[in-house]
Amino acid sequence: MSIIVTDKGQVTIPKDVLDQLGVGPGSEVDFRRHADGTIELVGDGEKKIPSRFRDLLGHAGPGPSTDEIMEMTRGET
């Protein structure tokens, strides 16, 4: 697979490669140089949620159950 480098030194990584690396928007990748001169692109393996609310995930605590929500919407409480 060949990729053309822009004047700014940028490349577009094909989607199938991004998927194999497990990276998406907000993910970090590393370039590792090996003793034989090859360079490996390594993903962090975790697709991150590109959101300012990312750090708040899981902090809301337990909420009402589905049955409780249905009772509230039906006016049964």
Protein backbone atom coordinates (compact mmCIF):
# COMPACT_ATOMS: atom_id res chain seq x y z
CA MET A 1 0.00 0.00 0.00
CA SER A 2 1.39 3.37 -0.99
CA ILE A 3 0.41 6.71 0.49
CA ILE A 4 1.42 10.11 -0.83
CA VAL A 5 2.95 12.59 1.62
CA THR A 6 1.67 16.18 1.37
CA ASP A 7 3.87 19.29 1.25
CA LYS A 8 3.30 19.62 5.00
CA GLY A 9 4.57 16.09 5.66
CA GLN A 10 1.08 14.73 6.35
CA VAL A 11 -0.48 11.46 5.25
CA THR A 12 -3.99 10.07 5.37
CA ILE A 13 -4.10 6.67 7.04
CA PRO A 14 -6.63 4.40 5.30
CA LYS A 15 -9.72 3.49 7.33
CA ASP A 16 -9.00 -0.25 7.27
CA VAL A 17 -5.56 0.42 8.79
CA LEU A 18 -7.10 2.65 11.47
CA ASP A 19 -9.61 -0.10 12.23
CA GLN A 20 -6.83 -2.70 12.53
CA LEU A 21 -4.92 -0.41 14.89
CA GLY A 22 -8.07 0.22 16.90
CA VAL A 23 -7.71 3.98 16.68
CA GLY A 24 -10.16 6.76 15.96
CA PRO A 25 -10.58 10.46 16.61
CA GLY A 26 -8.74 11.42 19.78
CA SER A 27 -6.56 8.30 19.80
CA GLU A 28 -2.80 8.47 20.00
CA VAL A 29 -0.38 6.56 17.80
CA ASP A 30 3.32 5.95 18.23
CA PHE A 31 6.09 5.44 15.70
CA ARG A 32 8.66 2.87 16.80
CA ARG A 33 12.02 2.49 15.10
CA HIS A 34 13.43 -1.04 15.07
CA ALA A 35 17.08 -2.09 14.94
CA ASP A 36 16.68 -3.21 11.31
CA GLY A 37 15.63 0.34 10.30
CA THR A 38 11.93 -0.34 9.90
CA ILE A 39 9.42 1.95 11.54
CA GLU A 40 6.23 0.59 13.04
CA LEU A 41 3.01 2.55 13.53
CA VAL A 42 1.39 1.47 16.80
CA GLY A 43 -2.08 2.47 17.96
CA ASP A 44 -3.21 2.76 21.55
CA GLY A 45 -5.90 0.17 20.77
CA GLU A 46 -8.65 2.23 22.33
CA LYS A 47 -11.05 4.37 20.38
CA LYS A 48 -11.64 7.45 22.41
CA ILE A 49 -14.84 9.42 22.49
CA PRO A 50 -14.15 12.86 21.03
CA SER A 51 -16.20 14.75 23.57
CA ARG A 52 -15.69 17.31 26.28
CA PHE A 53 -17.86 15.04 28.44
CA ARG A 54 -15.55 12.00 28.05
CA ASP A 55 -14.13 12.39 31.58
CA LEU A 56 -17.63 12.35 33.07
CA LEU A 57 -18.59 8.92 31.74
CA GLY A 58 -19.73 6.62 34.53
CA HIS A 59 -19.97 9.37 37.14
CA ALA A 60 -23.75 9.81 37.20
CA GLY A 61 -24.27 6.93 39.61
CA PRO A 62 -27.12 4.47 39.60
CA GLY A 63 -30.38 5.76 38.22
CA PRO A 64 -33.95 4.56 38.34
CA SER A 65 -34.79 1.18 36.88
CA THR A 66 -36.75 0.82 33.65
CA ASP A 67 -39.88 -0.08 35.64
CA GLU A 68 -39.48 3.03 37.80
CA ILE A 69 -39.09 5.23 34.72
CA MET A 70 -42.19 3.68 33.13
CA GLU A 71 -44.17 4.30 36.32
CA MET A 72 -43.05 7.96 36.36
CA THR A 73 -43.99 8.50 32.70
CA ARG A 74 -47.40 6.93 33.27
CA GLY A 75 -48.00 9.03 36.34
CA GLU A 76 -48.23 5.99 38.61
CA THR A 77 -46.00 7.41 41.36
